[in-house]
Protein backbone atom coordinates (compact mmCIF):
# COMPACT_ATOMS: atom_id res chain seq x y z
CA MET A 1 -0.54 -21.19 -39.94
CA THR A 2 -0.56 -19.82 -43.68
CA VAL A 3 -1.92 -21.90 -46.60
CA SER A 4 1.32 -21.70 -48.29
CA GLN A 5 3.11 -23.35 -45.08
CA SER A 6 0.07 -26.04 -44.97
CA PHE A 7 0.59 -26.73 -48.49
CA LYS A 8 4.24 -27.11 -48.34
CA ILE A 9 3.73 -29.41 -45.37
CA TYR A 10 1.34 -31.57 -47.80
CA GLU A 11 4.19 -31.56 -50.42
CA VAL A 12 6.67 -33.15 -48.29
CA LEU A 13 4.22 -35.56 -46.47
CA GLN A 14 2.74 -36.83 -49.68
CA LYS A 15 5.87 -37.48 -51.06
CA HIS A 16 6.83 -39.06 -47.74
CA PHE A 17 3.66 -41.22 -47.62
CA ASN A 18 3.11 -41.64 -51.17
CA ASN A 19 -0.53 -41.23 -50.41
CA ALA A 20 -2.24 -37.65 -50.82
CA ASP A 21 -5.27 -38.66 -48.16
CA ASP A 22 -2.46 -39.42 -45.13
CA ALA A 23 -0.71 -36.60 -45.85
CA LYS A 24 -3.84 -34.62 -45.76
CA LEU A 25 -4.86 -35.91 -42.44
CA VAL A 26 -1.37 -35.23 -41.17
CA VAL A 27 -1.48 -31.86 -42.06
CA GLN A 28 -5.40 -31.04 -40.93
CA GLU A 29 -4.43 -32.44 -37.85
CA ILE A 30 -0.87 -30.16 -37.78
CA GLU A 31 -3.30 -27.17 -38.24
CA GLN A 32 -5.52 -28.18 -35.41
CA ILE A 33 -2.84 -28.16 -33.02
CA VAL A 34 -1.67 -25.04 -33.86
CA GLU A 35 -5.13 -23.50 -33.66
CA GLN A 36 -5.82 -24.97 -30.48
CA LYS A 37 -2.26 -23.48 -29.29
CA ILE A 38 -3.23 -20.07 -30.36
CA GLU A 39 -6.42 -20.44 -28.43
CA THR A 40 -4.58 -21.33 -25.13
CA LYS A 41 -2.36 -18.66 -25.48
CA LYS A 42 -4.85 -15.74 -26.67
CA ASP A 43 -6.35 -15.55 -23.10
CA ILE A 44 -2.72 -15.01 -21.87
CA LEU A 45 -1.81 -12.04 -24.09
CA SER A 46 -2.81 -8.77 -23.42
CA THR A 47 -4.66 -6.83 -26.10
CA LYS A 48 -4.28 -3.02 -26.61
CA GLU A 49 -7.55 -1.84 -25.01
CA ASP A 50 -6.62 -4.12 -21.92
CA LEU A 51 -3.45 -1.97 -21.57
CA LEU A 52 -5.03 1.28 -22.47
CA ILE A 53 -7.69 0.20 -19.44
CA THR A 54 -4.71 -0.81 -16.98
CA LYS A 55 -2.97 2.57 -18.14
CA GLN A 56 -6.45 4.63 -17.53
CA ASP A 57 -6.58 2.92 -14.07
CA LEU A 58 -3.14 3.57 -13.27
CA ILE A 59 -3.38 7.19 -14.05
CA ASP A 60 -6.37 7.64 -12.04
CA ARG A 61 -4.86 5.94 -8.85
CA ILE A 62 -1.91 8.46 -9.17
CA HIS A 63 -3.71 11.46 -9.39
CA ARG A 64 -6.08 9.95 -6.36
CA ALA A 65 -2.71 9.60 -4.50
CA LYS A 66 -1.25 12.77 -5.48
CA ILE A 67 -4.75 14.65 -3.98
CA GLU A 68 -4.72 12.64 -0.88
CA THR A 69 -0.75 13.74 -0.31
CA ILE A 70 -1.81 17.02 -0.52
CA ILE A 71 -4.33 17.08 1.65
CA TRP A 72 -2.19 14.97 4.11
CA ILE A 73 0.49 17.80 3.90
CA VAL A 74 -1.92 20.61 4.53
CA SER A 75 -3.79 19.20 7.62
CA ILE A 76 -0.72 18.39 9.13
CA GLY A 77 0.48 21.78 8.54
CA VAL A 78 -2.58 23.36 9.89
CA LEU A 79 -2.60 21.16 13.13
CA GLN A 80 1.39 22.19 13.43
CA PHE A 81 0.27 25.74 13.11
CA VAL A 82 -2.60 24.98 15.71
CA GLY A 83 -0.11 23.59 17.78
CA SER A 84 2.53 25.91 18.09
CA LEU A 85 -0.51 29.04 18.96
CA LEU A 86 -1.92 26.55 21.89
CA ALA A 87 2.03 26.39 23.00
CA ARG A 88 2.65 29.85 22.90
CA LYS A 89 -0.97 30.46 24.64
CA PHE A 90 -0.21 28.20 27.57
CA MET A 91 3.57 28.68 27.96
């Protein structure tokens, strides 16, 4: 909450209560509630650094998956070639 917002609330409450102390107390309580809500929401929100780390992890996983897929394709190709050679030899 900005200072100007707090001051506007203070002015309205001071006119309502006709008492500066009560208005100041209410504004302080409102500011405290707002700060508590912001603190609780901070844990939920992702920061830019968190997103960069997650993005880098995702890129690494995609790279590993790509390499594993290539290894599987080459291995299956080699096994098919060996299988075809053995099938010709025994037929």
